Amino acid sequence: MPSAVPSRSARAISLRRRIADHPAFILPRDFTLFLRGARTDNAIKLARASMGARAAFEAAYTSSADPWSSAAPRYRYQSRKYDQIIALLPDRHFGNVLDLGCGIGLLSRRLAQRANHVLGLDVAAAALVHARRLTSDLGNVGFDQGDILDLPTALDGCFDLVVIADTLYYLDPLTDEMLKALSTRMAALLRPGGVCVLANHFFFSADAESRVSRRIHDAFTWSPSFTVIRQHRRAFFLVSLLSGPPLHHQSLAHQPG
């Protein structure tokens, strides 16, 4: 018996679903999310001028459990971005994972599926209150307060994967010297054979904020402490995968993405 031919409406629905599931697809309302995020960024920028960076982020997370609306179900951008970051990881299970600038732990929760243990660090203690609540059902995720510019040396050589997503462009002033020093510091956190994942918003080359993201990624990819595994452009973010200390003195070859 021949199979039924899908109706025109069924085919249209199927097409819409395939488009919606495409990595480059962004819902129109997600652009509203970008505007909301920009307002949060501006509020933090104004606050840090009078109270300092740490207090500014504390104030943001104290006034809202989700200052960037990252977990809001009506938006799909941030959730899809985190899912795609996980999908871009090397095909392996990781021992210890560090999520730097973890915020409310949305990416930490996803990383827990690929790791024995995930440690999320954030400068704002208020963010970690929300992160612990949102991951209370997971036994392999923990959080602690930490400043990316002042990480304890006790963390050196402890991690198989270090993830730095949407974090570094909040450092001020973000000089090339600081970025070079940070790339060396991040590499020191890795065990031999470890991987560093760097992810930042990236809209288009002429955009001022995207140029900052490019500076960050260039500093890390040019660093002698890292070897580039590959880079990925998605809508609207950039991901660099970098290998740290070589395993058995064999570094990974550069694979342009």
C-alpha atoms as a PDB file:
ATOM      1  CA  MET A   1       0.000   0.000   0.000  1.00  0.00           C
ATOM      2  CA  PRO A   2       1.563   3.351  -0.993  1.00  0.00           C
ATOM      3  CA  SER A   3       2.466   5.731   1.805  1.00  0.00           C
ATOM      4  CA  ALA A   4       0.296   8.758   2.265  1.00  0.00           C
ATOM      5  CA  VAL A   5       1.527  11.993   0.708  1.00  0.00           C
ATOM      6  CA  PRO A   6       1.776  14.756   3.306  1.00  0.00           C
ATOM      7  CA  SER A   7      -0.690  17.573   2.826  1.00  0.00           C
ATOM      8  CA  ARG A   8       0.475  21.029   1.832  1.00  0.00           C
ATOM      9  CA  SER A   9      -0.193  22.305   5.356  1.00  0.00           C
ATOM     10  CA  ALA A  10       1.789  19.417   6.890  1.00  0.00           C
ATOM     11  CA  ARG A  11       4.708  20.098   4.559  1.00  0.00           C
ATOM     12  CA  ALA A  12       4.577  23.788   5.453  1.00  0.00           C
ATOM     13  CA  ILE A  13       4.644  22.975   9.168  1.00  0.00           C
ATOM     14  CA  SER A  14       7.552  20.590   8.639  1.00  0.00           C
ATOM     15  CA  LEU A  15       9.457  23.251   6.696  1.00  0.00           C
ATOM     16  CA  ARG A  16       8.882  25.853   9.405  1.00  0.00           C
ATOM     17  CA  ARG A  17      10.165  23.422  12.025  1.00  0.00           C
ATOM     18  CA  ARG A  18      13.294  22.656  10.010  1.00  0.00           C
ATOM     19  CA  ILE A  19      13.971  26.366   9.569  1.00  0.00           C
ATOM     20  CA  ALA A  20      13.379  27.020  13.281  1.00  0.00           C
ATOM     21  CA  ASP A  21      15.800  24.242  14.199  1.00  0.00           C
ATOM     22  CA  HIS A  22      18.552  25.551  11.914  1.00  0.00           C
ATOM     23  CA  PRO A  23      21.579  26.921  13.861  1.00  0.00           C
ATOM     24  CA  ALA A  24      21.397  30.232  11.970  1.00  0.00           C
ATOM     25  CA  PHE A  25      17.720  30.841  12.763  1.00  0.00           C
ATOM     26  CA  ILE A  26      16.839  33.589  15.218  1.00  0.00           C
ATOM     27  CA  LEU A  27      13.296  34.487  16.179  1.00  0.00           C
ATOM     28  CA  PRO A  28      12.375  38.176  15.665  1.00  0.00           C
ATOM     29  CA  ARG A  29      11.621  38.527  19.370  1.00  0.00           C
ATOM     30  CA  ASP A  30      15.190  37.458  20.152  1.00  0.00           C
ATOM     31  CA  PHE A  31      16.314  40.852  18.902  1.00  0.00           C
ATOM     32  CA  THR A  32      14.315  42.262  21.811  1.00  0.00           C
ATOM     33  CA  LEU A  33      16.495  40.095  24.049  1.00  0.00           C
ATOM     34  CA  PHE A  34      19.589  41.807  22.651  1.00  0.00           C
ATOM     35  CA  LEU A  35      18.076  45.190  23.511  1.00  0.00           C
ATOM     36  CA  ARG A  36      17.247  44.027  27.040  1.00  0.00           C
ATOM     37  CA  GLY A  37      20.797  42.772  27.414  1.00  0.00           C
ATOM     38  CA  ALA A  38      22.184  46.095  26.228  1.00  0.00           C
ATOM     39  CA  ARG A  39      20.144  47.908  28.884  1.00  0.00           C
ATOM     40  CA  THR A  40      21.531  45.597  31.572  1.00  0.00           C
ATOM     41  CA  ASP A  41      25.067  46.145  30.283  1.00  0.00           C
ATOM     42  CA  ASN A  42      24.596  49.921  30.369  1.00  0.00           C
ATOM     43  CA  ALA A  43      23.205  49.791  33.916  1.00  0.00           C
ATOM     44  CA  ILE A  44      26.230  47.780  35.059  1.00  0.00           C
ATOM     45  CA  LYS A  45      28.580  50.170  33.290  1.00  0.00           C
ATOM     46  CA  LEU A  46      27.039  53.152  35.082  1.00  0.00           C
ATOM     47  CA  ALA A  47      27.011  51.369  38.451  1.00  0.00           C
ATOM     48  CA  ARG A  48      30.616  50.207  38.269  1.00  0.00           C
ATOM     49  CA  ALA A  49      31.767  53.821  37.839  1.00  0.00           C
ATOM     50  CA  SER A  50      30.498  54.628  41.334  1.00  0.00           C
ATOM     51  CA  MET A  51      30.639  51.305  43.214  1.00  0.00           C
ATOM     52  CA  GLY A  52      33.165  49.118  41.389  1.00  0.00           C
ATOM     53  CA  ALA A  53      32.736  46.067  39.170  1.00  0.00           C
ATOM     54  CA  ARG A  54      31.931  43.432  41.789  1.00  0.00           C
ATOM     55  CA  ALA A  55      29.295  45.556  43.523  1.00  0.00           C
ATOM     56  CA  ALA A  56      27.756  46.466  40.157  1.00  0.00           C
ATOM     57  CA  PHE A  57      27.249  42.806  39.247  1.00  0.00           C
ATOM     58  CA  GLU A  58      25.960  42.049  42.751  1.00  0.00           C
ATOM     59  CA  ALA A  59      23.391  44.826  42.329  1.00  0.00           C
ATOM     60  CA  ALA A  60      22.313  43.467  38.936  1.00  0.00           C
ATOM     61  CA  TYR A  61      21.692  39.950  40.288  1.00  0.00           C
ATOM     62  CA  THR A  62      20.093  41.263  43.466  1.00  0.00           C
ATOM     63  CA  SER A  63      17.540  43.324  41.547  1.00  0.00           C
ATOM     64  CA  SER A  64      16.766  40.460  39.132  1.00  0.00           C
ATOM     65  CA  ALA A  65      17.244  36.694  39.279  1.00  0.00           C
ATOM     66  CA  ASP A  66      17.981  36.775  35.535  1.00  0.00           C
ATOM     67  CA  PRO A  67      19.342  40.212  34.541  1.00  0.00           C
ATOM     68  CA  TRP A  68      19.879  39.258  30.879  1.00  0.00           C
ATOM     69  CA  SER A  69      16.641  37.213  30.593  1.00  0.00           C
ATOM     70  CA  SER A  70      18.794  34.241  29.588  1.00  0.00           C
ATOM     71  CA  ALA A  71      16.343  31.722  31.003  1.00  0.00           C
ATOM     72  CA  ALA A  72      13.161  33.429  29.825  1.00  0.00           C
ATOM     73  CA  PRO A  73      11.175  30.821  27.835  1.00  0.00           C
ATOM     74  CA  ARG A  74       9.920  33.364  25.301  1.00  0.00           C
ATOM     75  CA  TYR A  75      13.478  33.837  23.993  1.00  0.00           C
ATOM     76  CA  ARG A  76      15.440  31.055  22.332  1.00  0.00           C
ATOM     77  CA  TYR A  77      18.776  32.705  21.469  1.00  0.00           C
ATOM     78  CA  GLN A  78      20.678  32.108  24.704  1.00  0.00           C
ATOM     79  CA  SER A  79      19.359  28.587  25.197  1.00  0.00           C
ATOM     80  CA  ARG A  80      20.231  27.612  21.633  1.00  0.00           C
ATOM     81  CA  LYS A  81      23.645  29.195  21.943  1.00  0.00           C
ATOM     82  CA  TYR A  82      24.446  27.102  25.018  1.00  0.00           C
ATOM     83  CA  ASP A  83      23.146  23.966  23.305  1.00  0.00           C
ATOM     84  CA  GLN A  84      25.331  24.676  20.271  1.00  0.00           C
ATOM     85  CA  ILE A  85      28.400  25.288  22.447  1.00  0.00           C
ATOM     86  CA  ILE A  86      27.876  21.843  23.969  1.00  0.00           C
ATOM     87  CA  ALA A  87      27.458  20.337  20.499  1.00  0.00           C
ATOM     88  CA  LEU A  88      30.760  21.912  19.362  1.00  0.00           C
ATOM     89  CA  LEU A  89      32.779  20.341  22.189  1.00  0.00           C
ATOM     90  CA  PRO A  90      35.198  17.550  21.307  1.00  0.00           C
ATOM     91  CA  ASP A  91      33.464  14.176  21.335  1.00  0.00           C
ATOM     92  CA  ARG A  92      34.637  13.007  24.736  1.00  0.00           C
ATOM     93  CA  HIS A  93      33.616  12.932  28.381  1.00  0.00           C
ATOM     94  CA  PHE A  94      35.438  15.385  30.625  1.00  0.00           C
ATOM     95  CA  GLY A  95      36.610  14.903  34.186  1.00  0.00           C
ATOM     96  CA  ASN A  96      36.662  18.322  35.830  1.00  0.00           C
ATOM     97  CA  VAL A  97      35.124  21.315  34.055  1.00  0.00           C
ATOM     98  CA  LEU A  98      35.396  25.003  34.979  1.00  0.00           C
ATOM     99  CA  ASP A  99      32.671  27.444  33.905  1.00  0.00           C
ATOM    100  CA  LEU A 100      34.127  30.923  34.381  1.00  0.00           C
ATOM    101  CA  GLY A 101      31.606  33.736  34.738  1.00  0.00           C
ATOM    102  CA  CYS A 102      28.862  31.156  35.187  1.00  0.00           C
ATOM    103  CA  GLY A 103      26.081  33.603  36.106  1.00  0.00           C
ATOM    104  CA  ILE A 104      22.942  31.686  37.080  1.00  0.00           C
ATOM    105  CA  GLY A 105      24.417  28.382  35.922  1.00  0.00           C
ATOM    106  CA  LEU A 106      22.489  27.714  32.703  1.00  0.00           C
ATOM    107  CA  LEU A 107      25.593  26.596  30.804  1.00  0.00           C
ATOM    108  CA  SER A 108      26.975  24.803  33.884  1.00  0.00           C
ATOM    109  CA  ARG A 109      23.836  22.673  33.898  1.00  0.00           C
ATOM    110  CA  ARG A 110      24.420  21.601  30.294  1.00  0.00           C
ATOM    111  CA  LEU A 111      28.115  20.961  30.908  1.00  0.00           C
ATOM    112  CA  ALA A 112      27.178  18.575  33.714  1.00  0.00           C
ATOM    113  CA  GLN A 113      25.923  16.117  31.089  1.00  0.00           C
ATOM    114  CA  ARG A 114      29.462  15.826  29.687  1.00  0.00           C
ATOM    115  CA  ALA A 115      31.533  15.891  32.893  1.00  0.00           C
ATOM    116  CA  ASN A 116      32.235  14.125  36.156  1.00  0.00           C
ATOM    117  CA  HIS A 117      32.181  17.462  37.966  1.00  0.00           C
ATOM    118  CA  VAL A 118      31.510  21.083  37.010  1.00  0.00           C
ATOM    119  CA  LEU A 119      32.694  24.079  39.036  1.00  0.00           C
ATOM    120  CA  GLY A 120      31.007  27.382  38.229  1.00  0.00           C
ATOM    121  CA  LEU A 121      32.746  30.577  39.323  1.00  0.00           C
ATOM    122  CA  ASP A 122      31.259  34.055  39.267  1.00  0.00           C
ATOM    123  CA  VAL A 123      32.257  37.363  40.790  1.00  0.00           C
ATOM    124  CA  ALA A 124      28.713  37.967  42.077  1.00  0.00           C
ATOM    125  CA  ALA A 125      27.610  35.943  45.109  1.00  0.00           C
ATOM    126  CA  ALA A 126      23.991  36.860  44.317  1.00  0.00           C
ATOM    127  CA  ALA A 127      24.277  35.092  40.943  1.00  0.00           C
ATOM    128  CA  LEU A 128      25.440  31.917  42.669  1.00  0.00           C
ATOM    129  CA  VAL A 129      22.346  31.859  44.895  1.00  0.00           C
ATOM    130  CA  HIS A 130      20.218  31.551  41.765  1.00  0.00           C
ATOM    131  CA  ALA A 131      22.665  29.088  40.150  1.00  0.00           C
ATOM    132  CA  ARG A 132      22.515  26.735  43.124  1.00  0.00           C
ATOM    133  CA  ARG A 133      18.719  26.857  43.105  1.00  0.00           C
ATOM    134  CA  LEU A 134      18.507  26.091  39.379  1.00  0.00           C
ATOM    135  CA  THR A 135      20.909  23.131  39.619  1.00  0.00           C
ATOM    136  CA  SER A 136      19.821  21.737  42.986  1.00  0.00           C
ATOM    137  CA  ASP A 137      18.844  18.447  41.328  1.00  0.00           C
ATOM    138  CA  LEU A 138      22.374  17.838  40.017  1.00  0.00           C
ATOM    139  CA  GLY A 139      24.969  16.185  42.231  1.00  0.00           C
ATOM    140  CA  ASN A 140      27.989  16.926  40.032  1.00  0.00           C
ATOM    141  CA  VAL A 141      27.761  20.741  39.891  1.00  0.00           C
ATOM    142  CA  GLY A 142      29.148  23.168  42.449  1.00  0.00           C
ATOM    143  CA  PHE A 143      29.561  26.924  42.589  1.00  0.00           C
ATOM    144  CA  ASP A 144      31.918  29.323  44.267  1.00  0.00           C
ATOM    145  CA  GLN A 145      32.659  33.023  44.164  1.00  0.00           C
ATOM    146  CA  GLY A 146      35.751  33.953  42.195  1.00  0.00           C
ATOM    147  CA  ASP A 147      37.298  36.761  40.184  1.00  0.00           C
ATOM    148  CA  ILE A 148      38.757  35.784  36.817  1.00  0.00           C
ATOM    149  CA  LEU A 149      41.514  38.343  37.403  1.00  0.00           C
ATOM    150  CA  ASP A 150      42.463  36.815  40.749  1.00  0.00           C
ATOM    151  CA  LEU A 151      42.089  33.044  40.520  1.00  0.00           C
ATOM    152  CA  PRO A 152      43.938  30.999  43.158  1.00  0.00           C
ATOM    153  CA  THR A 153      46.944  29.036  41.938  1.00  0.00           C
ATOM    154  CA  ALA A 154      45.413  25.984  43.649  1.00  0.00           C
ATOM    155  CA  LEU A 155      43.192  25.673  40.563  1.00  0.00           C
ATOM    156  CA  ASP A 156      46.160  25.295  38.201  1.00  0.00           C
ATOM    157  CA  GLY A 157      46.303  22.033  36.297  1.00  0.00           C
ATOM    158  CA  CYS A 158      42.930  20.880  37.667  1.00  0.00           C
ATOM    159  CA  PHE A 159      40.604  21.006  34.657  1.00  0.00           C
ATOM    160  CA  ASP A 160      40.039  19.022  31.499  1.00  0.00           C
ATOM    161  CA  LEU A 161      37.785  21.755  30.102  1.00  0.00           C
ATOM    162  CA  VAL A 162      37.604  25.497  30.805  1.00  0.00           C
ATOM    163  CA  VAL A 163      34.656  27.413  29.347  1.00  0.00           C
ATOM    164  CA  ILE A 164      34.607  31.212  29.195  1.00  0.00           C
ATOM    165  CA  ALA A 165      31.310  32.337  27.661  1.00  0.00           C
ATOM    166  CA  ASP A 166      30.185  35.972  27.459  1.00  0.00           C
ATOM    167  CA  THR A 167      32.522  37.043  30.235  1.00  0.00           C
ATOM    168  CA  LEU A 168      35.740  38.739  29.179  1.00  0.00           C
ATOM    169  CA  TYR A 169      34.254  41.797  27.506  1.00  0.00           C
ATOM    170  CA  TYR A 170      32.991  42.927  30.908  1.00  0.00           C
ATOM    171  CA  LEU A 171      36.556  43.481  32.105  1.00  0.00           C
ATOM    172  CA  ASP A 172      37.549  47.131  32.132  1.00  0.00           C
ATOM    173  CA  PRO A 173      39.936  48.337  30.892  1.00  0.00           C
ATOM    174  CA  LEU A 174      40.265  45.445  28.446  1.00  0.00           C
ATOM    175  CA  THR A 175      43.785  46.016  27.177  1.00  0.00           C
ATOM    176  CA  ASP A 176      45.776  43.767  24.877  1.00  0.00           C
ATOM    177  CA  GLU A 177      48.265  43.235  27.701  1.00  0.00           C
ATOM    178  CA  MET A 178      45.474  42.037  29.995  1.00  0.00           C
ATOM    179  CA  LEU A 179      44.162  39.656  27.336  1.00  0.00           C
ATOM    180  CA  LYS A 180      47.611  38.180  26.742  1.00  0.00           C
ATOM    181  CA  ALA A 181      48.094  37.664  30.467  1.00  0.00           C
ATOM    182  CA  LEU A 182      44.638  36.110  30.754  1.00  0.00           C
ATOM    183  CA  SER A 183      45.284  33.659  27.930  1.00  0.00           C
ATOM    184  CA  THR A 184      48.400  32.438  29.736  1.00  0.00           C
ATOM    185  CA  ARG A 185      46.507  32.230  33.036  1.00  0.00           C
ATOM    186  CA  MET A 186      43.626  30.274  31.481  1.00  0.00           C
ATOM    187  CA  ALA A 187      46.023  27.778  29.883  1.00  0.00           C
ATOM    188  CA  ALA A 188      47.602  27.160  33.292  1.00  0.00           C
ATOM    189  CA  LEU A 189      44.241  25.931  34.608  1.00  0.00           C
ATOM    190  CA  LEU A 190      44.217  23.000  32.183  1.00  0.00           C
ATOM    191  CA  ARG A 191      45.517  19.504  32.608  1.00  0.00           C
ATOM    192  CA  PRO A 192      47.613  18.057  29.769  1.00  0.00           C
ATOM    193  CA  GLY A 193      45.262  17.428  26.853  1.00  0.00           C
ATOM    194  CA  GLY A 194      42.756  19.940  28.235  1.00  0.00           C
ATOM    195  CA  VAL A 195      40.560  22.211  26.143  1.00  0.00           C
ATOM    196  CA  CYS A 196      39.562  25.860  26.531  1.00  0.00           C
ATOM    197  CA  VAL A 197      36.315  27.072  24.932  1.00  0.00           C
ATOM    198  CA  LEU A 198      35.877  30.792  24.354  1.00  0.00           C
ATOM    199  CA  ALA A 199      32.449  32.117  23.279  1.00  0.00           C
ATOM    200  CA  ASN A 200      31.328  35.702  22.707  1.00  0.00           C
ATOM    201  CA  HIS A 201      28.566  37.623  20.992  1.00  0.00           C
ATOM    202  CA  PHE A 202      29.483  38.438  17.400  1.00  0.00           C
ATOM    203  CA  PHE A 203      27.053  40.270  15.140  1.00  0.00           C
ATOM    204  CA  PHE A 204      29.077  41.628  12.219  1.00  0.00           C
ATOM    205  CA  SER A 205      32.599  42.867  11.617  1.00  0.00           C
ATOM    206  CA  ALA A 206      31.758  46.583  11.635  1.00  0.00           C
ATOM    207  CA  ASP A 207      29.918  46.384  14.964  1.00  0.00           C
ATOM    208  CA  ALA A 208      31.948  47.942  17.798  1.00  0.00           C
ATOM    209  CA  GLU A 209      31.088  45.219  20.341  1.00  0.00           C
ATOM    210  CA  SER A 210      31.864  42.497  17.795  1.00  0.00           C
ATOM    211  CA  ARG A 211      35.291  44.056  17.275  1.00  0.00           C
ATOM    212  CA  VAL A 212      35.894  43.676  21.017  1.00  0.00           C
ATOM    213  CA  SER A 213      34.942  39.997  20.735  1.00  0.00           C
ATOM    214  CA  ARG A 214      37.354  39.617  17.827  1.00  0.00           C
ATOM    215  CA  ARG A 215      40.161  41.188  19.896  1.00  0.00           C
ATOM    216  CA  ILE A 216      39.495  38.686  22.677  1.00  0.00           C
ATOM    217  CA  HIS A 217      39.575  35.692  20.364  1.00  0.00           C
ATOM    218  CA  ASP A 218      42.618  36.968  18.487  1.00  0.00           C
ATOM    219  CA  ALA A 219      44.553  37.336  21.750  1.00  0.00           C
ATOM    220  CA  PHE A 220      43.775  33.751  22.738  1.00  0.00           C
ATOM    221  CA  THR A 221      44.379  32.208  19.320  1.00  0.00           C
ATOM    222  CA  TRP A 222      47.701  34.061  18.960  1.00  0.00           C
ATOM    223  CA  SER A 223      48.812  32.999  22.436  1.00  0.00           C
ATOM    224  CA  PRO A 224      51.769  30.574  22.523  1.00  0.00           C
ATOM    225  CA  SER A 225      50.004  28.914  25.466  1.00  0.00           C
ATOM    226  CA  PHE A 226      47.246  27.596  23.177  1.00  0.00           C
ATOM    227  CA  THR A 227      46.898  25.692  19.939  1.00  0.00           C
ATOM    228  CA  VAL A 228      43.789  26.412  17.884  1.00  0.00           C
ATOM    229  CA  ILE A 229      41.612  23.368  17.347  1.00  0.00           C
ATOM    230  CA  ARG A 230      38.952  25.204  15.356  1.00  0.00           C
ATOM    231  CA  GLN A 231      36.689  28.255  15.278  1.00  0.00           C
ATOM    232  CA  HIS A 232      32.971  28.447  14.577  1.00  0.00           C
ATOM    233  CA  ARG A 233      30.703  31.328  13.571  1.00  0.00           C
ATOM    234  CA  ARG A 234      27.052  31.045  14.467  1.00  0.00           C
ATOM    235  CA  ALA A 235      24.190  33.521  14.613  1.00  0.00           C
ATOM    236  CA  PHE A 236      25.173  35.639  16.505  1.00  0.00           C
ATOM    237  CA  PHE A 237      28.256  34.424  18.340  1.00  0.00           C
ATOM    238  CA  LEU A 238      31.816  33.253  17.824  1.00  0.00           C
ATOM    239  CA  VAL A 239      33.363  30.145  19.423  1.00  0.00           C
ATOM    240  CA  SER A 240      37.069  29.279  19.599  1.00  0.00           C
ATOM    241  CA  LEU A 241      38.223  25.830  20.727  1.00  0.00           C
ATOM    242  CA  LEU A 242      41.793  25.801  21.989  1.00  0.00           C
ATOM    243  CA  SER A 243      44.055  23.064  23.311  1.00  0.00           C
ATOM    244  CA  GLY A 244      46.317  23.806  26.242  1.00  0.00           C
ATOM    245  CA  PRO A 245      49.304  21.776  27.450  1.00  0.00           C
ATOM    246  CA  PRO A 246      49.869  18.886  25.030  1.00  0.00           C
ATOM    247  CA  LEU A 247      49.137  15.345  26.088  1.00  0.00           C
ATOM    248  CA  HIS A 248      52.296  13.203  25.884  1.00  0.00           C
ATOM    249  CA  HIS A 249      54.025  16.143  24.178  1.00  0.00           C
ATOM    250  CA  GLN A 250      51.769  15.885  21.136  1.00  0.00           C
ATOM    251  CA  SER A 251      49.877  19.049  20.294  1.00  0.00           C
ATOM    252  CA  LEU A 252      46.724  19.092  18.228  1.00  0.00           C
ATOM    253  CA  ALA A 253      47.060  20.261  14.647  1.00  0.00           C
ATOM    254  CA  HIS A 254      45.404  23.493  13.582  1.00  0.00           C
ATOM    255  CA  GLN A 255      42.065  22.677  11.975  1.00  0.00           C
ATOM    256  CA  PRO A 256      40.422  25.817  10.551  1.00  0.00           C
ATOM    257  CA  GLY A 257      36.645  25.768  10.913  1.00  0.00           C
END
